[in-house]
Each structure stands twice: as C-alpha cells, then as structure tokens.
Amino acid sequence: MIEEHWIDLICYSIHFTNNSGSSFCRSIALPNNFPEDKISTFFKNHFEGHDIKIIDISEINDVWLSKHAHSPFMRQPSECDELKWNL
C-alpha cells in the first residue's frame, strides 16, 4: 500500500508584502486532508502580523513525501525560490 511509505501533501504558494512595499513568496506543504475551509485562516494566523500581509494563496501541486529519509521525497514547485515545510 502506498500510504505505508509516503505522505500525501498539497503545496501552496503564499505571496506576501510588507509596509516598505517589498513582496516575497513561500511554498508551504500541508497534509492533503487539511480542512479546505481552514487553509486561509491557518496561513493568516501563522504568517500575518506587524508589517506582513498576505496577498495571495494558491495551490501549486500535490507532493508525495517519503517516510524514508534516504529517498527522494518531493517535486519542488518552480514558482518560489524558497520552500518551507510545515508538517
């Protein structure tokens, strides 16, 4: 069974801006079964504050994360330079 060796995730692209007008992007992976109606609230609670504001949240792709540390584990999205895992 595939679930024995892999974790199914969905990668999201989060675009931010700050008070100085700079914008930046992060890719975040959440479990596939994360409640869809709570995704926006989760990101806003986790990232917004002080001078950071979320501009856009979009789904990039599905990601299969290997449970074995030595295995290749993901397909990286091309939209963002940085990738942060939030499991």
PDB file of N, CA and C in Angstrom:
ATOM      1  N   MET A   1       0.828  -1.180   0.000  1.00  0.00           N
ATOM      2  CA  MET A   1       0.000   0.000   0.000  1.00  0.00           C
ATOM      3  C   MET A   1       0.882   1.256   0.000  1.00  0.00           C
ATOM      4  N   ILE A   2       0.575   2.220  -0.831  1.00  0.00           N
ATOM      5  CA  ILE A   2       1.418   3.411  -0.968  1.00  0.00           C
ATOM      6  C   ILE A   2       1.471   4.237   0.325  1.00  0.00           C
ATOM      7  N   GLU A   3       0.388   4.258   1.105  1.00  0.00           N
ATOM      8  CA  GLU A   3       0.346   5.052   2.332  1.00  0.00           C
ATOM      9  C   GLU A   3       1.363   4.584   3.365  1.00  0.00           C
ATOM     10  N   GLU A   4       1.841   3.353   3.236  1.00  0.00           N
ATOM     11  CA  GLU A   4       2.826   2.840   4.182  1.00  0.00           C
ATOM     12  C   GLU A   4       4.171   3.534   4.021  1.00  0.00           C
ATOM     13  N   HIS A   5       4.468   4.046   2.844  1.00  0.00           N
ATOM     14  CA  HIS A   5       5.784   4.613   2.563  1.00  0.00           C
ATOM     15  C   HIS A   5       5.778   6.100   2.220  1.00  0.00           C
ATOM     16  N   TRP A   6       4.619   6.667   1.964  1.00  0.00           N
ATOM     17  CA  TRP A   6       4.549   8.055   1.506  1.00  0.00           C
ATOM     18  C   TRP A   6       3.479   8.842   2.250  1.00  0.00           C
ATOM     19  N   ILE A   7       3.705  10.137   2.387  1.00  0.00           N
ATOM     20  CA  ILE A   7       2.720  11.054   2.966  1.00  0.00           C
ATOM     21  C   ILE A   7       2.246  11.963   1.834  1.00  0.00           C
ATOM     22  N   ASP A   8       0.933  12.072   1.654  1.00  0.00           N
ATOM     23  CA  ASP A   8       0.360  12.906   0.593  1.00  0.00           C
ATOM     24  C   ASP A   8       0.174  14.325   1.114  1.00  0.00           C
ATOM     25  N   LEU A   9       0.774  15.291   0.438  1.00  0.00           N
ATOM     26  CA  LEU A   9       0.703  16.699   0.829  1.00  0.00           C
ATOM     27  C   LEU A   9       0.252  17.534  -0.361  1.00  0.00           C
ATOM     28  N   ILE A  10      -0.207  18.740  -0.072  1.00  0.00           N
ATOM     29  CA  ILE A  10      -0.505  19.713  -1.120  1.00  0.00           C
ATOM     30  C   ILE A  10       0.374  20.934  -0.858  1.00  0.00           C
ATOM     31  N   CYS A  11       1.044  21.398  -1.894  1.00  0.00           N
ATOM     32  CA  CYS A  11       1.934  22.545  -1.771  1.00  0.00           C
ATOM     33  C   CYS A  11       1.189  23.816  -2.191  1.00  0.00           C
ATOM     34  N   TYR A  12       1.277  24.842  -1.358  1.00  0.00           N
ATOM     35  CA  TYR A  12       0.633  26.126  -1.624  1.00  0.00           C
ATOM     36  C   TYR A  12       1.690  27.205  -1.792  1.00  0.00           C
ATOM     37  N   SER A  13       1.425  28.138  -2.666  1.00  0.00           N
ATOM     38  CA  SER A  13       2.270  29.305  -2.868  1.00  0.00           C
ATOM     39  C   SER A  13       1.621  30.471  -2.122  1.00  0.00           C
ATOM     40  N   ILE A  14       2.375  31.075  -1.208  1.00  0.00           N
ATOM     41  CA  ILE A  14       1.875  32.194  -0.406  1.00  0.00           C
ATOM     42  C   ILE A  14       2.678  33.436  -0.787  1.00  0.00           C
ATOM     43  N   HIS A  15       1.996  34.459  -1.294  1.00  0.00           N
ATOM     44  CA  HIS A  15       2.651  35.716  -1.675  1.00  0.00           C
ATOM     45  C   HIS A  15       2.360  36.761  -0.601  1.00  0.00           C
ATOM     46  N   PHE A  16       3.425  37.421  -0.120  1.00  0.00           N
ATOM     47  CA  PHE A  16       3.340  38.400   0.957  1.00  0.00           C
ATOM     48  C   PHE A  16       3.809  39.762   0.478  1.00  0.00           C
ATOM     49  N   THR A  17       3.462  40.777   1.257  1.00  0.00           N
ATOM     50  CA  THR A  17       4.031  42.107   1.075  1.00  0.00           C
ATOM     51  C   THR A  17       4.278  42.682   2.469  1.00  0.00           C
ATOM     52  N   ASN A  18       5.132  43.702   2.557  1.00  0.00           N
ATOM     53  CA  ASN A  18       5.340  44.368   3.841  1.00  0.00           C
ATOM     54  C   ASN A  18       5.157  45.873   3.675  1.00  0.00           C
ATOM     55  N   ASN A  19       5.255  46.600   4.775  1.00  0.00           N
ATOM     56  CA  ASN A  19       4.998  48.045   4.762  1.00  0.00           C
ATOM     57  C   ASN A  19       5.943  48.821   3.848  1.00  0.00           C
ATOM     58  N   SER A  20       7.131  48.292   3.602  1.00  0.00           N
ATOM     59  CA  SER A  20       8.074  49.000   2.739  1.00  0.00           C
ATOM     60  C   SER A  20       7.833  48.717   1.258  1.00  0.00           C
ATOM     61  N   GLY A  21       6.817  47.900   0.951  1.00  0.00           N
ATOM     62  CA  GLY A  21       6.477  47.624  -0.433  1.00  0.00           C
ATOM     63  C   GLY A  21       7.159  46.404  -1.031  1.00  0.00           C
ATOM     64  N   SER A  22       8.028  45.771  -0.275  1.00  0.00           N
ATOM     65  CA  SER A  22       8.682  44.557  -0.770  1.00  0.00           C
ATOM     66  C   SER A  22       7.699  43.397  -0.754  1.00  0.00           C
ATOM     67  N   SER A  23       7.816  42.527  -1.746  1.00  0.00           N
ATOM     68  CA  SER A  23       6.970  41.339  -1.759  1.00  0.00           C
ATOM     69  C   SER A  23       7.853  40.105  -1.868  1.00  0.00           C
ATOM     70  N   PHE A  24       7.357  39.009  -1.361  1.00  0.00           N
ATOM     71  CA  PHE A  24       8.107  37.767  -1.389  1.00  0.00           C
ATOM     72  C   PHE A  24       7.145  36.595  -1.389  1.00  0.00           C
ATOM     73  N   CYS A  25       7.685  35.403  -1.591  1.00  0.00           N
ATOM     74  CA  CYS A  25       6.871  34.211  -1.773  1.00  0.00           C
ATOM     75  C   CYS A  25       7.443  33.053  -0.967  1.00  0.00           C
ATOM     76  N   ARG A  26       6.573  32.221  -0.434  1.00  0.00           N
ATOM     77  CA  ARG A  26       6.969  30.990   0.243  1.00  0.00           C
ATOM     78  C   ARG A  26       6.080  29.872  -0.262  1.00  0.00           C
ATOM     79  N   SER A  27       6.642  28.679  -0.308  1.00  0.00           N
ATOM     80  CA  SER A  27       5.843  27.496  -0.616  1.00  0.00           C
ATOM     81  C   SER A  27       5.692  26.691   0.662  1.00  0.00           C
ATOM     82  N   ILE A  28       4.475  26.340   0.971  1.00  0.00           N
ATOM     83  CA  ILE A  28       4.171  25.608   2.198  1.00  0.00           C
ATOM     84  C   ILE A  28       3.412  24.349   1.836  1.00  0.00           C
ATOM     85  N   ALA A  29       3.788  23.240   2.433  1.00  0.00           N
ATOM     86  CA  ALA A  29       3.077  21.981   2.203  1.00  0.00           C
ATOM     87  C   ALA A  29       2.236  21.655   3.429  1.00  0.00           C
ATOM     88  N   LEU A  30       0.979  21.355   3.187  1.00  0.00           N
ATOM     89  CA  LEU A  30       0.059  20.932   4.241  1.00  0.00           C
ATOM     90  C   LEU A  30      -0.438  19.530   3.919  1.00  0.00           C
ATOM     91  N   PRO A  31      -0.824  18.770   4.942  1.00  0.00           N
ATOM     92  CA  PRO A  31      -1.386  17.442   4.681  1.00  0.00           C
ATOM     93  C   PRO A  31      -2.587  17.534   3.741  1.00  0.00           C
ATOM     94  N   ASN A  32      -2.726  16.555   2.877  1.00  0.00           N
ATOM     95  CA  ASN A  32      -3.811  16.523   1.898  1.00  0.00           C
ATOM     96  C   ASN A  32      -5.185  16.586   2.557  1.00  0.00           C
ATOM     97  N   ASN A  33      -5.290  16.079   3.781  1.00  0.00           N
ATOM     98  CA  ASN A  33      -6.587  16.053   4.461  1.00  0.00           C
ATOM     99  C   ASN A  33      -6.828  17.287   5.335  1.00  0.00           C
ATOM    100  N   PHE A  34      -5.990  18.322   5.204  1.00  0.00           N
ATOM    101  CA  PHE A  34      -6.194  19.563   5.959  1.00  0.00           C
ATOM    102  C   PHE A  34      -7.518  20.171   5.503  1.00  0.00           C
ATOM    103  N   PRO A  35      -8.396  20.565   6.434  1.00  0.00           N
ATOM    104  CA  PRO A  35      -9.717  21.093   6.043  1.00  0.00           C
ATOM    105  C   PRO A  35      -9.599  22.317   5.124  1.00  0.00           C
ATOM    106  N   GLU A  36     -10.182  22.214   3.945  1.00  0.00           N
ATOM    107  CA  GLU A  36     -10.066  23.269   2.929  1.00  0.00           C
ATOM    108  C   GLU A  36     -10.590  24.618   3.419  1.00  0.00           C
ATOM    109  N   ASP A  37     -11.648  24.606   4.214  1.00  0.00           N
ATOM    110  CA  ASP A  37     -12.226  25.863   4.695  1.00  0.00           C
ATOM    111  C   ASP A  37     -11.382  26.531   5.782  1.00  0.00           C
ATOM    112  N   LYS A  38     -10.331  25.873   6.253  1.00  0.00           N
ATOM    113  CA  LYS A  38      -9.471  26.441   7.299  1.00  0.00           C
ATOM    114  C   LYS A  38      -8.089  26.855   6.779  1.00  0.00           C
ATOM    115  N   ILE A  39      -7.804  26.611   5.501  1.00  0.00           N
ATOM    116  CA  ILE A  39      -6.479  26.891   4.946  1.00  0.00           C
ATOM    117  C   ILE A  39      -6.136  28.378   5.010  1.00  0.00           C
ATOM    118  N   SER A  40      -7.016  29.234   4.538  1.00  0.00           N
ATOM    119  CA  SER A  40      -6.757  30.671   4.537  1.00  0.00           C
ATOM    120  C   SER A  40      -6.542  31.189   5.960  1.00  0.00           C
ATOM    121  N   THR A  41      -7.389  30.770   6.884  1.00  0.00           N
ATOM    122  CA  THR A  41      -7.268  31.195   8.286  1.00  0.00           C
ATOM    123  C   THR A  41      -5.954  30.711   8.886  1.00  0.00           C
ATOM    124  N   PHE A  42      -5.575  29.474   8.592  1.00  0.00           N
ATOM    125  CA  PHE A  42      -4.317  28.926   9.102  1.00  0.00           C
ATOM    126  C   PHE A  42      -3.134  29.784   8.659  1.00  0.00           C
ATOM    127  N   PHE A  43      -3.058  30.093   7.366  1.00  0.00           N
ATOM    128  CA  PHE A  43      -1.941  30.884   6.859  1.00  0.00           C
ATOM    129  C   PHE A  43      -1.953  32.297   7.435  1.00  0.00           C
ATOM    130  N   LYS A  44      -3.123  32.916   7.535  1.00  0.00           N
ATOM    131  CA  LYS A  44      -3.198  34.276   8.089  1.00  0.00           C
ATOM    132  C   LYS A  44      -2.759  34.296   9.545  1.00  0.00           C
ATOM    133  N   ASN A  45      -3.200  33.320  10.341  1.00  0.00           N
ATOM    134  CA  ASN A  45      -2.806  33.255  11.749  1.00  0.00           C
ATOM    135  C   ASN A  45      -1.317  32.967  11.900  1.00  0.00           C
ATOM    136  N   HIS A  46      -0.775  32.182  10.993  1.00  0.00           N
ATOM    137  CA  HIS A  46       0.617  31.763  11.097  1.00  0.00           C
ATOM    138  C   HIS A  46       1.600  32.821  10.588  1.00  0.00           C
ATOM    139  N   PHE A  47       1.231  33.574   9.550  1.00  0.00           N
ATOM    140  CA  PHE A  47       2.184  34.469   8.901  1.00  0.00           C
ATOM    141  C   PHE A  47       1.917  35.955   9.086  1.00  0.00           C
ATOM    142  N   GLU A  48       0.668  36.377   9.102  1.00  0.00           N
ATOM    143  CA  GLU A  48       0.398  37.816   9.149  1.00  0.00           C
ATOM    144  C   GLU A  48       0.710  38.399  10.521  1.00  0.00           C
ATOM    145  N   GLY A  49       1.118  39.621  10.504  1.00  0.00           N
ATOM    146  CA  GLY A  49       1.399  40.319  11.745  1.00  0.00           C
ATOM    147  C   GLY A  49       2.392  41.428  11.491  1.00  0.00           C
ATOM    148  N   HIS A  50       2.444  42.364  12.408  1.00  0.00           N
ATOM    149  CA  HIS A  50       3.345  43.511  12.306  1.00  0.00           C
ATOM    150  C   HIS A  50       3.215  44.158  10.923  1.00  0.00           C
ATOM    151  N   ASP A  51       4.215  44.003  10.079  1.00  0.00           N
ATOM    152  CA  ASP A  51       4.152  44.674   8.774  1.00  0.00           C
ATOM    153  C   ASP A  51       3.983  43.695   7.610  1.00  0.00           C
ATOM    154  N   ILE A  52       3.621  42.443   7.882  1.00  0.00           N
ATOM    155  CA  ILE A  52       3.468  41.444   6.815  1.00  0.00           C
ATOM    156  C   ILE A  52       1.997  41.206   6.513  1.00  0.00           C
ATOM    157  N   LYS A  53       1.656  41.213   5.236  1.00  0.00           N
ATOM    158  CA  LYS A  53       0.282  40.987   4.786  1.00  0.00           C
ATOM    159  C   LYS A  53       0.282  39.966   3.650  1.00  0.00           C
ATOM    160  N   ILE A  54      -0.633  38.997   3.703  1.00  0.00           N
ATOM    161  CA  ILE A  54      -0.754  38.007   2.635  1.00  0.00           C
ATOM    162  C   ILE A  54      -1.492  38.623   1.455  1.00  0.00           C
ATOM    163  N   ILE A  55      -0.917  38.480   0.259  1.00  0.00           N
ATOM    164  CA  ILE A  55      -1.537  38.975  -0.968  1.00  0.00           C
ATOM    165  C   ILE A  55      -2.364  37.881  -1.626  1.00  0.00           C
ATOM    166  N   ASP A  56      -1.776  36.675  -1.701  1.00  0.00           N
ATOM    167  CA  ASP A  56      -2.431  35.596  -2.440  1.00  0.00           C
ATOM    168  C   ASP A  56      -2.012  34.235  -1.894  1.00  0.00           C
ATOM    169  N   ILE A  57      -2.951  33.293  -1.905  1.00  0.00           N
ATOM    170  CA  ILE A  57      -2.692  31.897  -1.561  1.00  0.00           C
ATOM    171  C   ILE A  57      -3.191  31.062  -2.729  1.00  0.00           C
ATOM    172  N   SER A  58      -2.311  30.258  -3.316  1.00  0.00           N
ATOM    173  CA  SER A  58      -2.755  29.408  -4.423  1.00  0.00           C
ATOM    174  C   SER A  58      -2.145  28.016  -4.306  1.00  0.00           C
ATOM    175  N   GLU A  59      -2.924  27.028  -4.727  1.00  0.00           N
ATOM    176  CA  GLU A  59      -2.451  25.645  -4.715  1.00  0.00           C
ATOM    177  C   GLU A  59      -1.503  25.444  -5.888  1.00  0.00           C
ATOM    178  N   ILE A  60      -0.333  24.855  -5.615  1.00  0.00           N
ATOM    179  CA  ILE A  60       0.651  24.628  -6.668  1.00  0.00           C
ATOM    180  C   ILE A  60       0.547  23.205  -7.210  1.00  0.00           C
ATOM    181  N   ASN A  61       0.735  22.222  -6.332  1.00  0.00           N
ATOM    182  CA  ASN A  61       0.719  20.835  -6.780  1.00  0.00           C
ATOM    183  C   ASN A  61       0.622  19.869  -5.607  1.00  0.00           C
ATOM    184  N   ASP A  62       0.432  18.602  -5.939  1.00  0.00           N
ATOM    185  CA  ASP A  62       0.487  17.539  -4.942  1.00  0.00           C
ATOM    186  C   ASP A  62       1.941  17.158  -4.737  1.00  0.00           C
ATOM    187  N   VAL A  63       2.265  16.781  -3.515  1.00  0.00           N
ATOM    188  CA  VAL A  63       3.621  16.375  -3.173  1.00  0.00           C
ATOM    189  C   VAL A  63       3.534  15.049  -2.431  1.00  0.00           C
ATOM    190  N   TRP A  64       4.386  14.129  -2.801  1.00  0.00           N
ATOM    191  CA  TRP A  64       4.486  12.870  -2.066  1.00  0.00           C
ATOM    192  C   TRP A  64       5.783  12.917  -1.282  1.00  0.00           C
ATOM    193  N   LEU A  65       5.687  12.905   0.040  1.00  0.00           N
ATOM    194  CA  LEU A  65       6.849  12.969   0.922  1.00  0.00           C
ATOM    195  C   LEU A  65       7.157  11.564   1.415  1.00  0.00           C
ATOM    196  N   SER A  66       8.369  11.098   1.157  1.00  0.00           N
ATOM    197  CA  SER A  66       8.761   9.758   1.582  1.00  0.00           C
ATOM    198  C   SER A  66       8.942   9.717   3.092  1.00  0.00           C
ATOM    199  N   LYS A  67       8.514   8.637   3.706  1.00  0.00           N
ATOM    200  CA  LYS A  67       8.727   8.441   5.139  1.00  0.00           C
ATOM    201  C   LYS A  67      10.145   7.949   5.414  1.00  0.00           C
ATOM    202  N   HIS A  68      10.920   7.679   4.355  1.00  0.00           N
ATOM    203  CA  HIS A  68      12.292   7.196   4.489  1.00  0.00           C
ATOM    204  C   HIS A  68      13.243   8.339   4.157  1.00  0.00           C
ATOM    205  N   ALA A  69      14.076   8.717   5.098  1.00  0.00           N
ATOM    206  CA  ALA A  69      14.934   9.893   4.946  1.00  0.00           C
ATOM    207  C   ALA A  69      15.892   9.801   3.762  1.00  0.00           C
ATOM    208  N   HIS A  70      16.273   8.614   3.343  1.00  0.00           N
ATOM    209  CA  HIS A  70      17.253   8.473   2.272  1.00  0.00           C
ATOM    210  C   HIS A  70      16.630   8.527   0.878  1.00  0.00           C
ATOM    211  N   SER A  71      15.312   8.560   0.791  1.00  0.00           N
ATOM    212  CA  SER A  71      14.640   8.526  -0.509  1.00  0.00           C
ATOM    213  C   SER A  71      14.433   9.926  -1.072  1.00  0.00           C
ATOM    214  N   PRO A  72      14.406  10.058  -2.409  1.00  0.00           N
ATOM    215  CA  PRO A  72      13.987  11.339  -2.990  1.00  0.00           C
ATOM    216  C   PRO A  72      12.557  11.592  -2.532  1.00  0.00           C
ATOM    217  N   PHE A  73      12.236  12.790  -2.121  1.00  0.00           N
ATOM    218  CA  PHE A  73      10.958  12.958  -1.452  1.00  0.00           C
ATOM    219  C   PHE A  73       9.985  13.939  -2.045  1.00  0.00           C
ATOM    220  N   MET A  74      10.356  14.753  -2.996  1.00  0.00           N
ATOM    221  CA  MET A  74       9.356  15.693  -3.479  1.00  0.00           C
ATOM    222  C   MET A  74       9.694  16.252  -4.842  1.00  0.00           C
ATOM    223  N   ARG A  75       8.699  16.846  -5.430  1.00  0.00           N
ATOM    224  CA  ARG A  75       8.830  17.583  -6.677  1.00  0.00           C
ATOM    225  C   ARG A  75       8.678  19.048  -6.292  1.00  0.00           C
ATOM    226  N   GLN A  76       9.736  19.839  -6.434  1.00  0.00           N
ATOM    227  CA  GLN A  76       9.690  21.228  -5.982  1.00  0.00           C
ATOM    228  C   GLN A  76       8.951  22.108  -6.978  1.00  0.00           C
ATOM    229  N   PRO A  77       8.128  23.008  -6.466  1.00  0.00           N
ATOM    230  CA  PRO A  77       7.432  23.949  -7.347  1.00  0.00           C
ATOM    231  C   PRO A  77       8.416  24.976  -7.898  1.00  0.00           C
ATOM    232  N   SER A  78       8.154  25.453  -9.087  1.00  0.00           N
ATOM    233  CA  SER A  78       9.058  26.421  -9.702  1.00  0.00           C
ATOM    234  C   SER A  78       8.664  27.864  -9.400  1.00  0.00           C
ATOM    235  N   GLU A  79       7.479  28.085  -8.836  1.00  0.00           N
ATOM    236  CA  GLU A  79       7.002  29.449  -8.614  1.00  0.00           C
ATOM    237  C   GLU A  79       7.802  30.211  -7.564  1.00  0.00           C
ATOM    238  N   CYS A  80       8.367  29.522  -6.581  1.00  0.00           N
ATOM    239  CA  CYS A  80       9.047  30.206  -5.486  1.00  0.00           C
ATOM    240  C   CYS A  80      10.466  29.690  -5.315  1.00  0.00           C
ATOM    241  N   ASP A  81      11.334  30.549  -4.821  1.00  0.00           N
ATOM    242  CA  ASP A  81      12.721  30.162  -4.605  1.00  0.00           C
ATOM    243  C   ASP A  81      12.913  29.386  -3.316  1.00  0.00           C
ATOM    244  N   GLU A  82      12.067  29.638  -2.330  1.00  0.00           N
ATOM    245  CA  GLU A  82      12.248  29.007  -1.038  1.00  0.00           C
ATOM    246  C   GLU A  82      11.108  28.049  -0.755  1.00  0.00           C
ATOM    247  N   LEU A  83      11.400  27.038   0.039  1.00  0.00           N
ATOM    248  CA  LEU A  83      10.395  26.045   0.396  1.00  0.00           C
ATOM    249  C   LEU A  83      10.468  25.816   1.890  1.00  0.00           C
ATOM    250  N   LYS A  84       9.355  25.940   2.545  1.00  0.00           N
ATOM    251  CA  LYS A  84       9.303  25.728   3.985  1.00  0.00           C
ATOM    252  C   LYS A  84       8.262  24.659   4.256  1.00  0.00           C
ATOM    253  N   TRP A  85       8.638  23.643   4.976  1.00  0.00           N
ATOM    254  CA  TRP A  85       7.697  22.557   5.289  1.00  0.00           C
ATOM    255  C   TRP A  85       7.051  22.819   6.625  1.00  0.00           C
ATOM    256  N   ASN A  86       5.802  22.623   6.680  1.00  0.00           N
ATOM    257  CA  ASN A  86       5.035  22.831   7.895  1.00  0.00           C
ATOM    258  C   ASN A  86       4.177  21.597   8.108  1.00  0.00           C
ATOM    259  N   LEU A  87       4.747  20.614   8.743  1.00  0.00           N
ATOM    260  CA  LEU A  87       4.021  19.352   8.923  1.00  0.00           C
ATOM    261  C   LEU A  87       3.427  19.260  10.304  1.00  0.00           C
TER     262      LEU A  87
END
